N, C-alpha and C. Protein backbone atom coordinates (compact mmCIF):
# COMPACT_ATOMS: atom_id res chain seq x y z
N MET A 1 54.47 145.05 39.84
CA MET A 1 55.14 145.65 40.97
C MET A 1 54.13 146.30 41.92
N SER A 2 53.15 147.06 41.36
CA SER A 2 52.18 147.73 42.23
C SER A 2 51.25 146.71 42.90
N GLU A 3 51.00 145.58 42.24
CA GLU A 3 50.17 144.55 42.86
C GLU A 3 50.90 143.92 44.05
N GLN A 4 52.20 143.73 43.92
CA GLN A 4 52.99 143.18 45.02
C GLN A 4 53.01 144.16 46.19
N PHE A 5 53.17 145.45 45.88
CA PHE A 5 53.15 146.46 46.93
C PHE A 5 51.79 146.50 47.61
N SER A 6 50.73 146.39 46.84
CA SER A 6 49.38 146.39 47.38
C SER A 6 49.16 145.19 48.31
N GLN A 7 49.65 144.03 47.91
CA GLN A 7 49.53 142.83 48.77
C GLN A 7 50.34 143.00 50.04
N LEU A 8 51.55 143.57 49.92
CA LEU A 8 52.38 143.81 51.10
C LEU A 8 51.71 144.79 52.05
N ALA A 9 51.15 145.86 51.50
CA ALA A 9 50.45 146.85 52.33
C ALA A 9 49.24 146.22 53.02
N GLN A 10 48.51 145.38 52.31
CA GLN A 10 47.34 144.71 52.90
C GLN A 10 47.78 143.79 54.04
N GLU A 11 48.83 143.03 53.82
CA GLU A 11 49.33 142.11 54.85
C GLU A 11 49.83 142.90 56.07
N ALA A 12 50.54 144.00 55.83
CA ALA A 12 51.02 144.83 56.94
C ALA A 12 49.85 145.41 57.73
N SER A 13 48.81 145.85 57.04
CA SER A 13 47.66 146.41 57.75
C SER A 13 46.90 145.35 58.54
N ASN A 14 46.91 144.11 58.05
CA ASN A 14 46.26 143.03 58.80
C ASN A 14 46.97 142.75 60.12
N TRP A 15 48.28 142.94 60.13
CA TRP A 15 49.08 142.61 61.32
C TRP A 15 49.38 143.81 62.20
N ALA A 16 49.13 145.03 61.77
CA ALA A 16 49.55 146.23 62.50
C ALA A 16 48.96 146.28 63.91
N ILE A 17 47.67 146.18 64.05
CA ILE A 17 47.04 146.32 65.36
C ILE A 17 47.42 145.17 66.30
N PRO A 18 47.38 143.91 65.86
CA PRO A 18 47.82 142.85 66.78
C PRO A 18 49.28 143.02 67.24
N VAL A 19 50.15 143.45 66.34
CA VAL A 19 51.56 143.64 66.71
C VAL A 19 51.69 144.78 67.72
N ILE A 20 50.99 145.88 67.49
CA ILE A 20 51.03 146.99 68.44
C ILE A 20 50.50 146.55 69.80
N PHE A 21 49.42 145.81 69.81
CA PHE A 21 48.84 145.31 71.06
C PHE A 21 49.85 144.46 71.82
N VAL A 22 50.49 143.53 71.12
CA VAL A 22 51.49 142.65 71.76
C VAL A 22 52.67 143.48 72.27
N LEU A 23 53.12 144.46 71.48
CA LEU A 23 54.25 145.30 71.92
C LEU A 23 53.91 146.07 73.20
N ILE A 24 52.70 146.56 73.30
CA ILE A 24 52.29 147.28 74.51
C ILE A 24 52.34 146.35 75.71
N VAL A 25 51.81 145.15 75.55
CA VAL A 25 51.81 144.19 76.66
C VAL A 25 53.24 143.80 77.02
N VAL A 26 54.10 143.55 76.03
CA VAL A 26 55.49 143.16 76.29
C VAL A 26 56.24 144.28 76.99
N PHE A 27 56.14 145.51 76.48
CA PHE A 27 56.82 146.64 77.13
C PHE A 27 56.29 146.88 78.54
N GLY A 28 54.99 146.72 78.73
CA GLY A 28 54.42 146.84 80.06
C GLY A 28 54.98 145.79 81.00
N ALA A 29 55.13 144.57 80.52
CA ALA A 29 55.71 143.50 81.35
C ALA A 29 57.16 143.79 81.67
N ILE A 30 57.91 144.29 80.70
CA ILE A 30 59.32 144.63 80.93
C ILE A 30 59.43 145.72 82.00
N LYS A 31 58.56 146.70 81.96
CA LYS A 31 58.57 147.80 82.93
C LYS A 31 57.85 147.44 84.22
N ARG A 32 57.34 146.22 84.30
CA ARG A 32 56.62 145.72 85.48
C ARG A 32 55.36 146.54 85.78
N VAL A 33 54.64 146.86 84.71
CA VAL A 33 53.37 147.58 84.83
C VAL A 33 52.25 146.55 84.78
N LYS A 34 51.28 146.70 85.65
CA LYS A 34 50.11 145.82 85.62
C LYS A 34 49.20 146.33 84.50
N VAL A 35 49.41 145.80 83.32
CA VAL A 35 48.77 146.33 82.10
C VAL A 35 47.25 146.28 82.20
N TYR A 36 46.70 145.18 82.64
CA TYR A 36 45.25 145.06 82.69
C TYR A 36 44.64 146.07 83.67
N GLU A 37 45.24 146.20 84.84
CA GLU A 37 44.72 147.13 85.84
C GLU A 37 44.80 148.57 85.35
N VAL A 38 45.92 148.90 84.70
CA VAL A 38 46.08 150.25 84.15
C VAL A 38 45.06 150.49 83.05
N PHE A 39 44.83 149.49 82.21
CA PHE A 39 43.83 149.60 81.15
C PHE A 39 42.44 149.86 81.73
N VAL A 40 42.07 149.10 82.74
CA VAL A 40 40.75 149.26 83.37
C VAL A 40 40.62 150.64 84.00
N GLU A 41 41.67 151.12 84.65
CA GLU A 41 41.65 152.44 85.25
C GLU A 41 41.46 153.52 84.17
N GLY A 42 42.16 153.37 83.06
CA GLY A 42 42.01 154.31 81.94
C GLY A 42 40.61 154.27 81.35
N ALA A 43 40.04 153.06 81.27
CA ALA A 43 38.67 152.94 80.76
C ALA A 43 37.69 153.64 81.68
N LYS A 44 37.90 153.56 82.99
CA LYS A 44 37.03 154.27 83.94
C LYS A 44 37.12 155.77 83.73
N GLU A 45 38.35 156.28 83.57
CA GLU A 45 38.53 157.71 83.33
C GLU A 45 37.86 158.13 82.03
N GLY A 46 38.02 157.29 81.00
CA GLY A 46 37.41 157.59 79.71
C GLY A 46 35.90 157.67 79.81
N PHE A 47 35.30 156.77 80.58
CA PHE A 47 33.85 156.80 80.77
C PHE A 47 33.43 158.08 81.46
N ASN A 48 34.18 158.47 82.50
CA ASN A 48 33.84 159.70 83.22
C ASN A 48 33.96 160.92 82.32
N VAL A 49 34.99 160.95 81.47
CA VAL A 49 35.14 162.06 80.53
C VAL A 49 33.96 162.06 79.56
N GLY A 50 33.57 160.88 79.09
CA GLY A 50 32.43 160.78 78.18
C GLY A 50 31.17 161.36 78.79
N VAL A 51 30.94 161.07 80.05
CA VAL A 51 29.75 161.59 80.73
C VAL A 51 29.83 163.11 80.85
N LYS A 52 31.03 163.65 81.13
CA LYS A 52 31.20 165.09 81.27
C LYS A 52 30.94 165.84 79.97
N ILE A 53 31.31 165.25 78.83
CA ILE A 53 31.22 166.00 77.58
C ILE A 53 29.91 165.80 76.84
N ILE A 54 29.03 164.94 77.33
CA ILE A 54 27.75 164.72 76.65
C ILE A 54 26.98 166.01 76.41
N PRO A 55 26.86 166.93 77.38
CA PRO A 55 26.12 168.17 77.09
C PRO A 55 26.72 168.99 75.95
N TYR A 56 28.05 169.02 75.85
CA TYR A 56 28.71 169.77 74.77
C TYR A 56 28.42 169.12 73.42
N LEU A 57 28.46 167.80 73.37
CA LEU A 57 28.19 167.09 72.13
C LEU A 57 26.75 167.27 71.68
N VAL A 58 25.83 167.21 72.63
CA VAL A 58 24.42 167.41 72.30
C VAL A 58 24.21 168.81 71.74
N ALA A 59 24.86 169.81 72.35
CA ALA A 59 24.73 171.19 71.87
C ALA A 59 25.24 171.31 70.43
N ILE A 60 26.37 170.68 70.12
CA ILE A 60 26.92 170.75 68.77
C ILE A 60 25.97 170.07 67.78
N LEU A 61 25.48 168.89 68.12
CA LEU A 61 24.60 168.16 67.21
C LEU A 61 23.29 168.90 66.97
N VAL A 62 22.73 169.51 68.01
CA VAL A 62 21.50 170.28 67.86
C VAL A 62 21.76 171.50 66.98
N GLY A 63 22.89 172.17 67.20
CA GLY A 63 23.23 173.34 66.39
C GLY A 63 23.36 172.99 64.91
N ILE A 64 24.01 171.86 64.61
CA ILE A 64 24.16 171.42 63.23
C ILE A 64 22.81 171.11 62.61
N ALA A 65 21.98 170.41 63.36
CA ALA A 65 20.65 170.06 62.85
C ALA A 65 19.83 171.31 62.55
N ILE A 66 19.90 172.29 63.43
CA ILE A 66 19.16 173.54 63.20
C ILE A 66 19.70 174.27 61.98
N PHE A 67 21.03 174.30 61.85
CA PHE A 67 21.68 174.98 60.72
C PHE A 67 21.23 174.38 59.39
N ARG A 68 21.20 173.07 59.31
CA ARG A 68 20.82 172.42 58.05
C ARG A 68 19.31 172.48 57.83
N SER A 69 18.52 172.21 58.86
CA SER A 69 17.07 172.14 58.72
C SER A 69 16.44 173.50 58.43
N SER A 70 17.07 174.56 58.94
CA SER A 70 16.50 175.90 58.75
C SER A 70 16.67 176.42 57.33
N GLY A 71 17.52 175.76 56.56
CA GLY A 71 17.80 176.24 55.22
C GLY A 71 18.96 177.22 55.16
N ALA A 72 19.58 177.48 56.32
CA ALA A 72 20.70 178.41 56.37
C ALA A 72 21.87 177.92 55.52
N MET A 73 22.07 176.60 55.50
CA MET A 73 23.15 176.02 54.68
C MET A 73 22.92 176.32 53.21
N ASP A 74 21.70 176.08 52.73
CA ASP A 74 21.38 176.32 51.33
C ASP A 74 21.47 177.81 50.99
N PHE A 75 21.00 178.65 51.91
CA PHE A 75 21.05 180.10 51.70
C PHE A 75 22.49 180.58 51.60
N LEU A 76 23.33 180.12 52.50
CA LEU A 76 24.74 180.51 52.52
C LEU A 76 25.47 180.01 51.27
N THR A 77 25.21 178.78 50.90
CA THR A 77 25.83 178.21 49.71
C THR A 77 25.41 178.98 48.46
N ALA A 78 24.13 179.25 48.32
CA ALA A 78 23.63 179.99 47.15
C ALA A 78 24.20 181.41 47.10
N GLY A 79 24.37 182.03 48.25
CA GLY A 79 24.90 183.39 48.30
C GLY A 79 26.38 183.47 47.95
N LEU A 80 27.14 182.47 48.37
CA LEU A 80 28.59 182.49 48.13
C LEU A 80 29.00 181.90 46.79
N ALA A 81 28.16 181.07 46.19
CA ALA A 81 28.51 180.39 44.95
C ALA A 81 28.95 181.34 43.84
N PRO A 82 28.23 182.44 43.57
CA PRO A 82 28.66 183.34 42.48
C PRO A 82 30.03 183.98 42.74
N LEU A 83 30.36 184.18 44.00
CA LEU A 83 31.64 184.79 44.33
C LEU A 83 32.80 183.80 44.24
N LEU A 84 32.55 182.56 44.63
CA LEU A 84 33.63 181.57 44.72
C LEU A 84 33.82 180.74 43.46
N GLU A 85 32.78 180.60 42.65
CA GLU A 85 32.89 179.79 41.44
C GLU A 85 34.00 180.28 40.50
N PRO A 86 34.15 181.59 40.28
CA PRO A 86 35.25 182.04 39.43
C PRO A 86 36.64 181.72 40.00
N LEU A 87 36.72 181.47 41.30
CA LEU A 87 37.99 181.13 41.95
C LEU A 87 38.27 179.63 41.91
N GLY A 88 37.40 178.87 41.25
CA GLY A 88 37.61 177.43 41.14
C GLY A 88 36.99 176.63 42.26
N VAL A 89 36.05 177.23 42.97
CA VAL A 89 35.37 176.54 44.07
C VAL A 89 33.97 176.16 43.61
N PRO A 90 33.74 174.87 43.32
CA PRO A 90 32.39 174.45 42.92
C PRO A 90 31.41 174.63 44.08
N PRO A 91 30.21 175.11 43.82
CA PRO A 91 29.25 175.32 44.91
C PRO A 91 28.92 174.03 45.66
N GLU A 92 29.09 172.88 45.00
CA GLU A 92 28.75 171.60 45.64
C GLU A 92 29.68 171.26 46.81
N VAL A 93 30.85 171.90 46.89
CA VAL A 93 31.77 171.59 47.99
C VAL A 93 31.62 172.56 49.16
N LEU A 94 30.84 173.62 48.99
CA LEU A 94 30.68 174.59 50.07
C LEU A 94 30.06 173.99 51.34
N PRO A 95 29.05 173.09 51.23
CA PRO A 95 28.54 172.49 52.47
C PRO A 95 29.63 171.77 53.27
N MET A 96 30.59 171.14 52.59
CA MET A 96 31.69 170.48 53.31
C MET A 96 32.50 171.51 54.09
N ALA A 97 32.75 172.66 53.48
CA ALA A 97 33.53 173.70 54.14
C ALA A 97 32.83 174.20 55.40
N PHE A 98 31.51 174.22 55.39
CA PHE A 98 30.77 174.71 56.55
C PHE A 98 30.57 173.63 57.62
N ILE A 99 30.33 172.40 57.19
CA ILE A 99 30.00 171.32 58.13
C ILE A 99 31.24 170.70 58.76
N ARG A 100 32.34 170.59 58.02
CA ARG A 100 33.51 169.86 58.52
C ARG A 100 34.02 170.37 59.86
N PRO A 101 34.12 171.69 60.10
CA PRO A 101 34.58 172.13 61.43
C PRO A 101 33.61 171.80 62.56
N LEU A 102 32.37 171.46 62.20
CA LEU A 102 31.36 171.20 63.21
C LEU A 102 31.18 169.71 63.52
N SER A 103 31.19 168.88 62.48
CA SER A 103 30.81 167.49 62.68
C SER A 103 31.49 166.57 61.68
N GLY A 104 32.16 165.56 62.17
CA GLY A 104 32.77 164.57 61.30
C GLY A 104 31.74 163.72 60.60
N SER A 105 30.71 163.31 61.32
CA SER A 105 29.68 162.47 60.69
C SER A 105 28.85 163.27 59.70
N GLY A 106 28.59 164.53 60.00
CA GLY A 106 27.88 165.39 59.05
C GLY A 106 28.70 165.60 57.79
N ALA A 107 30.01 165.80 57.96
CA ALA A 107 30.90 165.97 56.81
C ALA A 107 30.99 164.68 55.99
N LEU A 108 31.00 163.56 56.68
CA LEU A 108 31.02 162.27 55.97
C LEU A 108 29.75 162.11 55.14
N GLY A 109 28.62 162.54 55.67
CA GLY A 109 27.37 162.50 54.93
C GLY A 109 27.41 163.40 53.71
N VAL A 110 27.96 164.60 53.86
CA VAL A 110 28.08 165.53 52.73
C VAL A 110 28.99 164.93 51.67
N MET A 111 30.11 164.34 52.10
CA MET A 111 31.05 163.74 51.15
C MET A 111 30.42 162.56 50.42
N THR A 112 29.74 161.70 51.14
CA THR A 112 29.10 160.53 50.54
C THR A 112 28.04 160.96 49.53
N GLU A 113 27.23 161.92 49.92
CA GLU A 113 26.19 162.44 49.03
C GLU A 113 26.80 163.04 47.76
N GLY A 114 27.87 163.80 47.92
CA GLY A 114 28.55 164.41 46.77
C GLY A 114 29.16 163.37 45.85
N MET A 115 29.72 162.32 46.42
CA MET A 115 30.33 161.26 45.60
C MET A 115 29.26 160.45 44.88
N LYS A 116 28.13 160.22 45.53
CA LYS A 116 27.04 159.50 44.84
C LYS A 116 26.50 160.32 43.68
N THR A 117 26.40 161.62 43.88
CA THR A 117 25.84 162.50 42.85
C THR A 117 26.82 162.73 41.70
N HIS A 118 28.09 163.01 42.03
CA HIS A 118 29.05 163.45 41.02
C HIS A 118 30.10 162.40 40.68
N GLY A 119 30.21 161.35 41.48
CA GLY A 119 31.21 160.32 41.24
C GLY A 119 32.45 160.55 42.09
N ALA A 120 33.04 159.46 42.54
CA ALA A 120 34.21 159.55 43.41
C ALA A 120 35.43 160.08 42.68
N ASP A 121 35.53 159.86 41.38
CA ASP A 121 36.68 160.30 40.61
C ASP A 121 36.48 161.64 39.92
N SER A 122 35.37 162.30 40.20
CA SER A 122 35.13 163.62 39.61
C SER A 122 35.93 164.67 40.38
N LEU A 123 36.02 165.86 39.82
CA LEU A 123 36.69 166.96 40.51
C LEU A 123 36.03 167.21 41.87
N ILE A 124 34.70 167.21 41.88
CA ILE A 124 33.98 167.46 43.13
C ILE A 124 34.23 166.34 44.13
N GLY A 125 34.19 165.09 43.69
CA GLY A 125 34.46 163.96 44.59
C GLY A 125 35.86 164.01 45.16
N ASN A 126 36.85 164.31 44.31
CA ASN A 126 38.22 164.42 44.79
C ASN A 126 38.38 165.60 45.75
N MET A 127 37.72 166.70 45.43
CA MET A 127 37.82 167.88 46.28
C MET A 127 37.17 167.63 47.65
N LEU A 128 36.02 166.96 47.64
CA LEU A 128 35.35 166.65 48.91
C LEU A 128 36.20 165.75 49.78
N SER A 129 36.78 164.71 49.20
CA SER A 129 37.58 163.79 50.00
C SER A 129 38.87 164.45 50.48
N THR A 130 39.45 165.34 49.66
CA THR A 130 40.65 166.05 50.08
C THR A 130 40.33 167.04 51.19
N MET A 131 39.19 167.71 51.09
CA MET A 131 38.77 168.63 52.15
C MET A 131 38.52 167.87 53.46
N MET A 132 37.94 166.68 53.34
CA MET A 132 37.66 165.86 54.52
C MET A 132 38.95 165.52 55.26
N GLY A 133 39.99 165.20 54.50
CA GLY A 133 41.25 164.83 55.12
C GLY A 133 42.14 166.00 55.48
N SER A 134 41.82 167.20 55.00
CA SER A 134 42.69 168.36 55.21
C SER A 134 42.28 169.21 56.40
N THR A 135 41.16 168.90 56.99
CA THR A 135 40.67 169.74 58.09
C THR A 135 40.26 168.87 59.27
N GLU A 136 39.87 169.52 60.34
CA GLU A 136 39.51 168.82 61.56
C GLU A 136 38.11 169.27 61.98
N THR A 137 37.49 168.48 62.83
CA THR A 137 36.19 168.84 63.40
C THR A 137 36.46 169.76 64.59
N THR A 138 36.79 171.00 64.29
CA THR A 138 37.30 171.95 65.26
C THR A 138 36.40 172.10 66.48
N PHE A 139 35.14 172.38 66.27
CA PHE A 139 34.25 172.63 67.41
C PHE A 139 34.06 171.37 68.24
N TYR A 140 34.00 170.23 67.59
CA TYR A 140 33.88 168.96 68.31
C TYR A 140 35.11 168.72 69.17
N VAL A 141 36.30 168.91 68.58
CA VAL A 141 37.54 168.68 69.31
C VAL A 141 37.66 169.64 70.48
N LEU A 142 37.36 170.91 70.24
CA LEU A 142 37.45 171.87 71.34
C LEU A 142 36.44 171.55 72.44
N ALA A 143 35.23 171.15 72.05
CA ALA A 143 34.22 170.79 73.05
C ALA A 143 34.68 169.59 73.86
N VAL A 144 35.24 168.60 73.19
CA VAL A 144 35.67 167.40 73.89
C VAL A 144 36.86 167.69 74.81
N TYR A 145 37.90 168.31 74.26
CA TYR A 145 39.10 168.54 75.06
C TYR A 145 38.89 169.57 76.15
N PHE A 146 38.31 170.70 75.81
CA PHE A 146 38.09 171.72 76.83
C PHE A 146 36.99 171.30 77.79
N GLY A 147 35.95 170.65 77.27
CA GLY A 147 34.87 170.19 78.13
C GLY A 147 35.33 169.13 79.12
N SER A 148 36.26 168.27 78.71
CA SER A 148 36.70 167.19 79.58
C SER A 148 37.50 167.71 80.77
N VAL A 149 38.14 168.87 80.62
CA VAL A 149 38.91 169.43 81.74
C VAL A 149 38.23 170.64 82.36
N GLY A 150 37.03 170.96 81.87
CA GLY A 150 36.24 172.02 82.49
C GLY A 150 36.60 173.44 82.05
N LEU A 151 37.33 173.61 80.96
CA LEU A 151 37.65 174.96 80.49
C LEU A 151 36.47 175.52 79.70
N ARG A 152 36.15 176.78 79.95
CA ARG A 152 35.04 177.40 79.24
C ARG A 152 35.53 178.47 78.25
N LYS A 153 36.71 179.01 78.48
CA LYS A 153 37.25 180.06 77.61
C LYS A 153 38.30 179.42 76.69
N THR A 154 38.01 179.49 75.39
CA THR A 154 38.92 178.87 74.43
C THR A 154 40.07 179.79 74.04
N ARG A 155 39.97 181.05 74.37
CA ARG A 155 40.99 182.05 74.13
C ARG A 155 41.49 182.02 72.69
N HIS A 156 42.74 181.67 72.46
CA HIS A 156 43.31 181.69 71.12
C HIS A 156 43.12 180.37 70.37
N ALA A 157 42.65 179.36 71.06
CA ALA A 157 42.53 178.04 70.43
C ALA A 157 41.53 178.06 69.26
N LEU A 158 40.38 178.65 69.46
CA LEU A 158 39.36 178.66 68.41
C LEU A 158 39.82 179.42 67.16
N PRO A 159 40.33 180.65 67.28
CA PRO A 159 40.81 181.32 66.07
C PRO A 159 41.95 180.57 65.38
N ALA A 160 42.87 180.00 66.15
CA ALA A 160 43.98 179.25 65.55
C ALA A 160 43.47 178.02 64.82
N CYS A 161 42.53 177.31 65.42
CA CYS A 161 41.98 176.11 64.77
C CYS A 161 41.20 176.46 63.51
N LEU A 162 40.40 177.52 63.58
CA LEU A 162 39.64 177.92 62.40
C LEU A 162 40.56 178.41 61.29
N LEU A 163 41.65 179.08 61.64
CA LEU A 163 42.63 179.48 60.64
C LEU A 163 43.25 178.25 59.99
N GLY A 164 43.53 177.22 60.78
CA GLY A 164 44.03 175.96 60.23
C GLY A 164 43.03 175.31 59.30
N ASP A 165 41.75 175.37 59.66
CA ASP A 165 40.70 174.83 58.78
C ASP A 165 40.64 175.58 57.46
N VAL A 166 40.69 176.91 57.52
CA VAL A 166 40.66 177.72 56.30
C VAL A 166 41.87 177.38 55.43
N ALA A 167 43.03 177.25 56.04
CA ALA A 167 44.24 176.90 55.27
C ALA A 167 44.09 175.52 54.63
N GLY A 168 43.57 174.56 55.38
CA GLY A 168 43.38 173.21 54.84
C GLY A 168 42.38 173.18 53.70
N LEU A 169 41.26 173.88 53.87
CA LEU A 169 40.25 173.94 52.82
C LEU A 169 40.76 174.64 51.58
N THR A 170 41.46 175.74 51.79
CA THR A 170 42.01 176.50 50.66
C THR A 170 43.00 175.65 49.87
N MET A 171 43.91 175.01 50.57
CA MET A 171 44.91 174.19 49.86
C MET A 171 44.28 172.98 49.20
N ALA A 172 43.24 172.41 49.80
CA ALA A 172 42.54 171.30 49.17
C ALA A 172 41.94 171.74 47.83
N ILE A 173 41.35 172.91 47.81
CA ILE A 173 40.75 173.43 46.58
C ILE A 173 41.82 173.74 45.55
N VAL A 174 42.89 174.41 45.96
CA VAL A 174 43.96 174.78 45.03
C VAL A 174 44.61 173.52 44.43
N ILE A 175 44.97 172.59 45.28
CA ILE A 175 45.67 171.38 44.81
C ILE A 175 44.76 170.54 43.93
N CYS A 176 43.51 170.38 44.32
CA CYS A 176 42.58 169.60 43.48
C CYS A 176 42.37 170.25 42.13
N ASN A 177 42.31 171.57 42.09
CA ASN A 177 42.17 172.26 40.80
C ASN A 177 43.43 172.07 39.95
N LEU A 178 44.59 172.02 40.57
CA LEU A 178 45.83 171.81 39.82
C LEU A 178 45.98 170.37 39.34
N VAL A 179 45.60 169.44 40.18
CA VAL A 179 45.86 168.02 39.88
C VAL A 179 44.72 167.37 39.08
N PHE A 180 43.47 167.67 39.42
CA PHE A 180 42.35 166.93 38.86
C PHE A 180 41.56 167.68 37.78
N ARG A 181 41.86 168.90 37.50
CA ARG A 181 41.11 169.65 36.50
C ARG A 181 41.57 169.32 35.12
């Protein structure tokens, strides 16, 4: 039964994007929208947004590189490990908690490294992958969205997003300890 479901899911995933693409073109034709022209116009806007946000992205990437290269990540992890280990937080997952709000690719690197070291089916591997899916690259998203429209003051957005990250990380740790321990 599960093999049949797996084959069905694979077949559905093979057809999902082509079907969505065709549906967009068909609905555009029904509404008498010049789909190609609208697509090209959107691509132009996307390029302009990309050019606008490059300085913000460079700043984030430089900040992450400095944070890791300076040893601040290792210092922070070593300092917090004795406090968090009794709460069921392995020190090996702390870099994910720090990097994930900053960089998706950095977090992917931390997750991959952790899975190679400890195994994908280990508690740490499961916790890393759950943390990856439970949070967002907050600073990247804010830089992209606010940078693209020229906003400099994030006001309540940053604290709300970071609170969401803390909630996601906390629940990832709690659930993984309940399910995989």
